[in-house]
Amino acid sequence: MSESDSWFQQELESRGVSRRDFVGFCSAMAAVLALPRSSASAIAAEIQKTEKPVLVWLEFQDCAGNTESFLRATRPTAAEIVLDTLSVDYHETIMAAAGHQAEEALAKTVKERPGGYIAVVEGSIPTGANGVYCTVGGRSALQIAREVCGNAMATIAMGTCATFGGLPAAAPNPTGALGVGDAVPGVKNLINLSACPANVENLTALIVYFLTFKRWPALDSWRRPLFAYGKAIHDNCERRAHFDAGQYVEAWGDEGHRTGYCLYKMGCKGPVTFQNCPNVRWNGGTNWPIGCGHPCIGCAEPDFWDKMTPFYQHLEGVPGFGVASSVDKVGLWATVGVGAAFAAHGFMSLGKRWWNAEQHPAARERAEEAQRRADDEKKGGQA
């Protein structure tokens, strides 16, 4: 074991994290990243020998929900495994310093490590009235973002507010709130982790990917990692079979709701929302909104507050059935389709029996004999 590996192992043990737990964590990260299980050993090896990446965390127009998510990482805690391999040089909510001392720490990192740190932005950036709606240390959020993100090796927009503007950018958007990409165009290696809040499992997996492969993962058209946003929630939903069968919750607390029927009629936006919630879940993987009976509100998508509301009203068009299809028509056709499938199966079975009987007399005789025996046994049982 090398000196660096020995140090890392001692660090894990001092935090009560066994080697087995660490390997299990690496396996979990491989699963989130949609990598083969065999990748876990490579992930473990790279994390152990990597230098501490420097991270600065900016908060602007936000509710600190993403910080709360960050602090509640589990399996084992990301803080103990990966996030503690980061040197968090600036984070207003969790750092001990305050006021001028805190801002000096940020200025020092930006000055001394240009291109050598990761910037995380939480919250939207107001651009109205020359940025007066959000100022920190006498500077506007826009000024800070331009300086900090402009000198970072990569910028992670954490949450829908930082990604797309979120709630502050909802109509009529009085503060001129924007996401990082729009407020500071041309930012190097911008990666969006949308959701309200973003799942810390995805942040952890993103950092793990970078530490392992020394590059950032493939992104979608919204600059979101494909491993987390490559599929619609609808495609992996545990209630999808009920949608296909036309079985929907009609009212809160009804039999269908208790049984686990599809929540589409209750406003679920899963068919048009791309995120891995059904896979990674929340609270240490214990559950997620649809799993506990609440519809998805589409919080990972652009302009969700304007486009997805009313949250408890279903969308008019159903993907895969045409934009003019209604949920009731889908349910009707699903029922007809199931009935037709059973009918077709019945006709096919009858056809097969007739074909066998006509083409194979011996088989017909055996079938008739078997039927007679069955009838005799039935009569004997009744007697």
Protein backbone atom coordinates (compact mmCIF):
# COMPACT_ATOMS: atom_id res chain seq x y z
CA MET A 1 0.00 0.00 0.00
CA SER A 2 1.40 3.39 -0.99
CA GLU A 3 1.85 6.23 1.46
CA SER A 4 -1.11 8.14 -0.02
CA ASP A 5 -3.32 5.03 0.10
CA SER A 6 -2.29 4.44 3.71
CA TRP A 7 -3.19 8.04 4.61
CA PHE A 8 -6.56 7.72 2.91
CA GLN A 9 -7.32 4.45 4.66
CA GLN A 10 -6.45 5.99 8.02
CA GLU A 11 -8.72 8.93 7.23
CA LEU A 12 -11.62 6.56 6.49
CA GLU A 13 -11.03 4.63 9.70
CA SER A 14 -10.87 7.81 11.77
CA ARG A 15 -14.34 8.69 10.49
CA GLY A 16 -15.73 5.24 11.23
CA VAL A 17 -15.98 4.29 7.56
CA SER A 18 -14.75 0.78 6.82
CA ARG A 19 -12.97 -0.25 3.65
CA ARG A 20 -16.02 -2.36 2.84
CA ASP A 21 -18.29 0.69 3.16
CA PHE A 22 -16.01 2.68 0.90
CA VAL A 23 -16.00 0.01 -1.79
CA GLY A 24 -19.77 -0.22 -1.47
CA PHE A 25 -19.98 3.52 -1.98
CA CYS A 26 -17.87 3.27 -5.14
CA SER A 27 -20.17 0.52 -6.43
CA ALA A 28 -23.17 2.76 -5.76
CA MET A 29 -21.52 5.59 -7.67
CA ALA A 30 -20.83 3.27 -10.59
CA ALA A 31 -24.53 2.40 -10.65
CA VAL A 32 -25.60 6.07 -10.61
CA LEU A 33 -23.17 6.77 -13.45
CA ALA A 34 -24.55 3.79 -15.39
CA LEU A 35 -21.08 2.21 -15.44
CA PRO A 36 -20.29 -1.52 -15.13
CA ARG A 37 -19.94 -2.83 -11.58
CA SER A 38 -16.28 -3.56 -12.39
CA SER A 39 -15.70 0.21 -12.57
CA ALA A 40 -15.97 0.42 -8.78
CA SER A 41 -12.35 -0.64 -8.27
CA ALA A 42 -11.11 2.01 -10.72
CA ILE A 43 -13.22 4.65 -8.98
CA ALA A 44 -11.82 3.65 -5.58
CA ALA A 45 -8.23 3.71 -6.84
CA GLU A 46 -8.55 7.17 -8.41
CA ILE A 47 -10.33 8.76 -5.44
CA GLN A 48 -7.62 7.53 -3.09
CA LYS A 49 -4.73 9.05 -5.01
CA THR A 50 -6.33 12.29 -6.20
CA GLU A 51 -5.34 15.71 -4.96
CA LYS A 52 -7.99 17.71 -3.18
CA PRO A 53 -9.93 19.77 -5.73
CA VAL A 54 -10.68 23.26 -4.45
CA LEU A 55 -14.33 24.28 -4.40
CA VAL A 56 -16.10 27.58 -3.76
CA TRP A 57 -19.87 27.62 -3.24
CA LEU A 58 -21.80 30.80 -4.08
CA GLU A 59 -25.34 31.49 -2.86
CA PHE A 60 -27.53 34.10 -4.54
CA GLN A 61 -31.35 34.13 -4.92
CA ASP A 62 -31.94 30.82 -3.18
CA CYS A 63 -33.66 29.07 -0.29
CA ALA A 64 -30.52 27.07 0.67
CA GLY A 65 -32.34 23.86 -0.26
CA ASN A 66 -29.37 22.64 -2.28
CA THR A 67 -27.05 23.30 0.65
CA GLU A 68 -29.42 21.26 2.82
CA SER A 69 -29.25 18.47 0.25
CA PHE A 70 -25.45 18.73 0.23
CA LEU A 71 -25.27 18.38 4.01
CA ARG A 72 -27.55 15.34 4.12
CA ALA A 73 -25.63 13.04 1.82
CA THR A 74 -25.56 9.36 2.82
CA ARG A 75 -24.46 5.84 1.72
CA PRO A 76 -22.00 6.52 3.49
CA THR A 77 -22.07 10.28 3.76
CA ALA A 78 -20.54 12.05 0.80
CA ALA A 79 -19.02 14.46 3.29
CA GLU A 80 -17.02 11.57 4.73
CA ILE A 81 -15.96 10.13 1.40
CA VAL A 82 -15.90 12.45 -1.58
CA LEU A 83 -16.98 15.87 -0.52
CA ASP A 84 -14.37 15.87 2.21
CA THR A 85 -11.75 15.23 -0.47
CA LEU A 86 -12.73 18.69 -1.68
CA SER A 87 -11.20 21.74 -0.14
CA VAL A 88 -14.30 23.88 0.37
CA ASP A 89 -12.59 27.25 0.62
CA TYR A 90 -15.79 29.30 0.60
CA HIS A 91 -19.39 28.52 1.51
CA GLU A 92 -21.29 31.22 3.37
CA THR A 93 -23.69 28.86 5.13
CA ILE A 94 -21.21 26.37 6.58
CA MET A 95 -17.91 28.26 6.91
CA ALA A 96 -16.73 29.53 10.26
CA ALA A 97 -15.57 32.89 8.95
CA ALA A 98 -18.01 35.73 8.31
CA GLY A 99 -18.04 39.22 6.86
CA HIS A 100 -14.75 40.55 5.48
CA GLN A 101 -12.83 37.43 6.50
CA ALA A 102 -15.15 35.21 4.46
CA GLU A 103 -14.95 37.44 1.39
CA GLU A 104 -11.17 37.59 1.69
CA ALA A 105 -11.06 33.78 1.54
CA LEU A 106 -13.03 33.85 -1.70
CA ALA A 107 -10.88 36.60 -3.22
CA LYS A 108 -7.71 34.72 -2.28
CA THR A 109 -8.87 31.51 -4.00
CA VAL A 110 -9.86 33.33 -7.20
CA LYS A 111 -6.58 35.26 -7.31
CA GLU A 112 -4.19 32.46 -6.40
CA ARG A 113 -5.89 29.56 -8.22
CA PRO A 114 -7.18 30.80 -11.58
CA GLY A 115 -8.47 27.80 -13.50
CA GLY A 116 -7.70 25.59 -10.53
CA TYR A 117 -10.99 25.48 -8.60
CA ILE A 118 -14.59 24.39 -9.11
CA ALA A 119 -17.34 26.96 -8.64
CA VAL A 120 -20.75 25.84 -7.43
CA VAL A 121 -23.58 28.33 -7.82
CA GLU A 122 -26.81 27.98 -5.84
CA GLY A 123 -29.70 30.31 -6.63
CA SER A 124 -30.57 32.51 -9.58
CA ILE A 125 -28.69 35.67 -10.51
CA PRO A 126 -30.78 38.87 -10.60
CA THR A 127 -29.88 41.27 -13.38
CA GLY A 128 -32.56 43.94 -12.92
CA ALA A 129 -31.77 47.39 -11.50
CA ASN A 130 -28.05 46.77 -11.97
CA GLY A 131 -28.16 43.71 -9.71
CA VAL A 132 -29.33 45.54 -6.60
CA TYR A 133 -31.72 42.70 -5.65
CA CYS A 134 -28.86 40.51 -4.42
CA THR A 135 -25.57 41.85 -3.10
CA VAL A 136 -22.87 40.22 -1.00
CA GLY A 137 -20.08 42.24 0.56
CA GLY A 138 -21.10 45.33 -1.39
CA ARG A 139 -20.98 43.57 -4.79
CA SER A 140 -23.88 42.30 -6.87
CA ALA A 141 -24.41 38.62 -7.53
CA LEU A 142 -23.77 39.27 -11.21
CA GLN A 143 -20.37 40.87 -10.52
CA ILE A 144 -19.35 38.01 -8.24
CA ALA A 145 -20.50 35.33 -10.67
CA ARG A 146 -18.65 36.91 -13.57
CA GLU A 147 -15.42 37.00 -11.62
CA VAL A 148 -15.63 33.66 -9.82
CA CYS A 149 -17.16 31.56 -12.60
CA GLY A 150 -15.05 33.27 -15.22
CA ASN A 151 -11.85 32.04 -13.53
CA ALA A 152 -13.03 28.53 -12.55
CA MET A 153 -11.98 25.26 -14.20
CA ALA A 154 -15.69 24.34 -14.16
CA THR A 155 -18.95 25.77 -12.86
CA ILE A 156 -21.71 23.59 -11.44
CA ALA A 157 -25.14 25.25 -11.39
CA MET A 158 -26.75 23.49 -8.43
CA GLY A 159 -30.53 23.42 -8.54
CA THR A 160 -33.17 24.77 -10.90
CA CYS A 161 -32.77 28.39 -9.77
CA ALA A 162 -29.08 28.42 -10.70
CA THR A 163 -29.75 26.37 -13.83
CA PHE A 164 -32.83 28.00 -15.36
CA GLY A 165 -33.77 30.84 -13.01
CA GLY A 166 -36.29 28.73 -11.10
CA LEU A 167 -38.99 30.31 -8.94
CA PRO A 168 -37.39 33.82 -8.86
CA ALA A 169 -37.54 33.88 -12.68
CA ALA A 170 -41.24 32.96 -12.83
CA ALA A 171 -43.50 35.50 -14.55
CA PRO A 172 -43.39 38.44 -14.24
CA ASN A 173 -39.79 38.03 -12.98
CA PRO A 174 -39.47 41.46 -11.34
CA THR A 175 -35.78 41.03 -10.45
CA GLY A 176 -34.67 39.89 -13.90
CA ALA A 177 -33.50 36.58 -12.45
CA LEU A 178 -31.48 34.32 -14.75
CA GLY A 179 -29.64 31.03 -14.56
CA VAL A 180 -25.85 31.00 -14.68
CA GLY A 181 -25.65 30.14 -18.37
CA ASP A 182 -27.78 33.14 -19.35
CA ALA A 183 -26.38 35.59 -16.80
CA VAL A 184 -22.73 34.74 -17.46
CA PRO A 185 -22.54 33.40 -21.03
CA GLY A 186 -19.38 31.67 -22.14
CA VAL A 187 -18.58 30.11 -18.76
CA LYS A 188 -16.04 27.30 -19.17
CA ASN A 189 -17.30 23.76 -18.48
CA LEU A 190 -20.75 24.76 -17.24
CA ILE A 191 -22.66 21.78 -15.85
CA ASN A 192 -26.29 22.10 -14.81
CA LEU A 193 -27.77 19.97 -12.03
CA SER A 194 -31.40 21.03 -12.19
CA ALA A 195 -34.13 20.06 -9.67
CA CYS A 196 -35.58 21.81 -6.67
CA PRO A 197 -33.37 20.93 -4.91
CA ALA A 198 -30.78 18.94 -6.85
CA ASN A 199 -30.10 15.48 -5.50
CA VAL A 200 -26.73 15.31 -3.77
CA GLU A 201 -26.27 11.80 -5.18
CA ASN A 202 -25.90 13.41 -8.60
CA LEU A 203 -23.45 16.02 -7.33
CA THR A 204 -21.40 13.29 -5.67
CA ALA A 205 -21.47 11.16 -8.83
CA LEU A 206 -20.42 14.17 -10.91
CA ILE A 207 -17.39 14.81 -8.68
CA VAL A 208 -16.57 11.09 -8.62
CA TYR A 209 -16.65 11.00 -12.42
CA PHE A 210 -14.27 13.94 -12.62
CA LEU A 211 -11.89 12.48 -10.03
CA THR A 212 -11.89 9.10 -11.81
CA PHE A 213 -11.68 10.07 -15.47
CA LYS A 214 -10.18 13.58 -15.21
CA ARG A 215 -12.90 14.95 -17.48
CA TRP A 216 -16.56 15.90 -17.22
CA PRO A 217 -19.36 13.56 -18.35
CA ALA A 218 -21.47 13.78 -21.50
CA LEU A 219 -24.23 16.40 -21.30
CA ASP A 220 -27.68 16.88 -22.81
CA SER A 221 -28.84 19.98 -24.72
CA TRP A 222 -29.43 21.77 -21.40
CA ARG A 223 -25.88 20.93 -20.26
CA ARG A 224 -27.11 18.37 -17.74
CA PRO A 225 -25.21 15.07 -17.23
CA LEU A 226 -26.80 12.32 -19.27
CA PHE A 227 -26.26 9.79 -16.49
CA ALA A 228 -28.77 11.74 -14.36
CA TYR A 229 -31.02 13.41 -16.95
CA GLY A 230 -30.89 11.06 -19.93
CA LYS A 231 -34.30 9.44 -19.39
CA ALA A 232 -37.78 10.68 -18.55
CA ILE A 233 -39.07 9.94 -15.06
CA HIS A 234 -42.03 8.31 -16.81
CA ASP A 235 -39.77 5.67 -18.37
CA ASN A 236 -38.46 4.39 -15.03
CA CYS A 237 -41.52 5.05 -12.86
CA GLU A 238 -42.76 2.21 -10.69
CA ARG A 239 -46.35 3.16 -11.65
CA ARG A 240 -45.69 3.05 -15.41
CA ALA A 241 -47.49 -0.27 -15.89
CA HIS A 242 -50.68 1.28 -14.52
CA PHE A 243 -50.36 4.16 -16.99
CA ASP A 244 -50.03 1.68 -19.86
CA ALA A 245 -53.09 -0.20 -18.58
CA GLY A 246 -55.17 2.98 -18.26
CA GLN A 247 -55.37 2.70 -14.45
CA TYR A 248 -55.29 6.14 -12.84
CA VAL A 249 -55.81 7.71 -9.43
CA GLU A 250 -59.10 9.62 -9.75
CA ALA A 251 -59.12 11.32 -6.32
CA TRP A 252 -56.73 11.62 -3.41
CA GLY A 253 -57.09 8.64 -1.10
CA ASP A 254 -59.22 6.54 -3.42
CA GLU A 255 -58.64 2.82 -3.95
CA GLY A 256 -56.39 3.48 -6.95
CA HIS A 257 -54.26 5.88 -4.90
CA ARG A 258 -53.84 3.29 -2.15
CA THR A 259 -53.13 0.55 -4.69
CA GLY A 260 -50.41 2.54 -6.46
CA TYR A 261 -52.14 3.52 -9.71
CA CYS A 262 -50.70 6.14 -12.07
CA LEU A 263 -50.83 9.75 -10.83
CA TYR A 264 -51.08 11.32 -14.28
CA LYS A 265 -54.65 12.55 -13.78
CA MET A 266 -53.58 14.15 -10.50
CA GLY A 267 -51.06 16.33 -12.29
CA CYS A 268 -47.94 14.15 -12.55
CA LYS A 269 -45.41 15.69 -14.95
CA GLY A 270 -43.24 12.58 -15.12
CA PRO A 271 -43.79 12.08 -18.88
CA VAL A 272 -42.11 15.41 -19.67
CA THR A 273 -39.50 15.54 -16.89
CA PHE A 274 -36.00 14.14 -17.30
CA GLN A 275 -34.22 13.07 -14.13
CA ASN A 276 -33.15 9.89 -12.32
CA CYS A 277 -35.39 10.29 -9.25
CA PRO A 278 -36.89 6.78 -9.62
CA ASN A 279 -33.39 5.29 -9.48
CA VAL A 280 -31.44 7.26 -6.86
CA ARG A 281 -34.47 8.42 -4.85
CA TRP A 282 -34.12 10.62 -1.74
CA ASN A 283 -33.33 10.35 1.97
CA GLY A 284 -30.65 7.75 1.48
CA GLY A 285 -32.56 6.01 -1.29
CA THR A 286 -35.60 5.27 0.89
CA ASN A 287 -38.30 6.93 -1.22
CA TRP A 288 -39.23 9.64 -3.72
CA PRO A 289 -42.32 11.83 -4.36
CA ILE A 290 -44.21 9.45 -6.68
CA GLY A 291 -43.26 6.51 -4.48
CA CYS A 292 -45.03 8.10 -1.53
CA GLY A 293 -48.10 9.07 -3.54
CA HIS A 294 -47.37 12.61 -4.76
CA PRO A 295 -47.15 13.52 -8.46
CA CYS A 296 -43.94 14.83 -10.02
CA ILE A 297 -44.16 18.62 -10.51
CA GLY A 298 -41.45 18.76 -13.18
CA CYS A 299 -39.03 20.80 -11.07
CA ALA A 300 -35.97 19.76 -13.12
CA GLU A 301 -37.26 21.36 -16.32
CA PRO A 302 -36.85 24.93 -17.64
CA ASP A 303 -39.61 27.38 -16.62
CA PHE A 304 -41.30 24.67 -14.58
CA TRP A 305 -43.13 27.16 -12.38
CA ASP A 306 -44.82 28.70 -15.43
CA LYS A 307 -45.16 25.67 -17.70
CA MET A 308 -46.02 22.93 -15.20
CA THR A 309 -48.66 24.78 -13.20
CA PRO A 310 -51.33 24.14 -12.04
CA PHE A 311 -49.35 21.37 -10.41
CA TYR A 312 -52.42 19.22 -9.70
CA GLN A 313 -53.87 19.42 -13.20
CA HIS A 314 -52.82 16.86 -15.79
CA LEU A 315 -51.18 17.81 -19.06
CA GLU A 316 -53.41 17.92 -22.12
CA GLY A 317 -51.09 15.97 -24.43
CA VAL A 318 -49.68 12.55 -23.60
CA PRO A 319 -46.24 11.77 -25.09
CA GLY A 320 -46.47 8.78 -27.36
CA PHE A 321 -50.20 9.18 -28.05
CA GLY A 322 -50.20 12.48 -29.93
CA VAL A 323 -50.50 16.00 -28.57
CA ALA A 324 -54.30 16.01 -28.97
CA SER A 325 -54.85 12.86 -26.91
CA SER A 326 -56.60 13.20 -23.59
CA VAL A 327 -55.86 11.05 -20.58
CA ASP A 328 -59.40 9.65 -20.71
CA LYS A 329 -58.96 8.57 -24.34
CA VAL A 330 -55.68 6.96 -23.45
CA GLY A 331 -57.37 5.02 -20.65
CA LEU A 332 -60.21 3.98 -22.97
CA TRP A 333 -57.86 2.76 -25.69
CA ALA A 334 -55.67 1.00 -23.12
CA THR A 335 -58.74 -0.88 -21.86
CA VAL A 336 -59.83 -1.71 -25.41
CA GLY A 337 -56.29 -2.83 -26.19
CA VAL A 338 -56.14 -5.14 -23.19
CA GLY A 339 -59.55 -6.60 -24.07
CA ALA A 340 -58.50 -7.08 -27.66
CA ALA A 341 -55.30 -8.78 -26.55
CA PHE A 342 -57.24 -11.29 -24.42
CA ALA A 343 -59.72 -11.87 -27.23
CA ALA A 344 -56.91 -12.39 -29.72
CA HIS A 345 -55.22 -14.81 -27.34
CA GLY A 346 -58.47 -16.75 -27.01
CA PHE A 347 -59.01 -16.94 -30.76
CA MET A 348 -55.42 -18.00 -31.29
CA SER A 349 -55.76 -20.78 -28.72
CA LEU A 350 -58.98 -22.02 -30.34
CA GLY A 351 -57.34 -21.85 -33.75
CA LYS A 352 -54.34 -23.84 -32.59
CA ARG A 353 -56.55 -26.54 -31.07
CA TRP A 354 -58.64 -26.77 -34.26
CA TRP A 355 -55.49 -26.91 -36.44
CA ASN A 356 -53.93 -29.64 -34.35
CA ALA A 357 -57.15 -31.65 -34.33
CA GLU A 358 -57.64 -31.42 -38.09
CA GLN A 359 -54.05 -32.05 -39.06
CA HIS A 360 -53.19 -34.70 -36.46
CA PRO A 361 -56.03 -37.21 -35.80
CA ALA A 362 -53.93 -39.04 -33.22
CA ALA A 363 -53.46 -35.85 -31.27
CA ARG A 364 -57.20 -35.25 -31.49
CA GLU A 365 -57.94 -38.69 -30.10
CA ARG A 366 -55.50 -38.17 -27.22
CA ALA A 367 -57.10 -34.83 -26.42
CA GLU A 368 -60.59 -36.36 -26.44
CA GLU A 369 -59.45 -39.22 -24.19
CA ALA A 370 -57.85 -36.75 -21.76
CA GLN A 371 -61.08 -34.75 -21.69
CA ARG A 372 -63.16 -37.89 -20.96
CA ARG A 373 -60.88 -38.82 -18.06
CA ALA A 374 -61.14 -35.33 -16.68
CA ASP A 375 -64.93 -35.46 -16.90
CA ASP A 376 -65.03 -38.85 -15.15
CA GLU A 377 -62.78 -37.61 -12.32
CA LYS A 378 -64.96 -34.56 -11.90
CA LYS A 379 -68.12 -36.67 -11.67
CA GLY A 380 -66.46 -39.02 -9.18
CA GLY A 381 -65.44 -36.08 -7.00
CA GLN A 382 -68.96 -34.69 -6.98
CA ALA A 383 -70.38 -38.08 -6.02
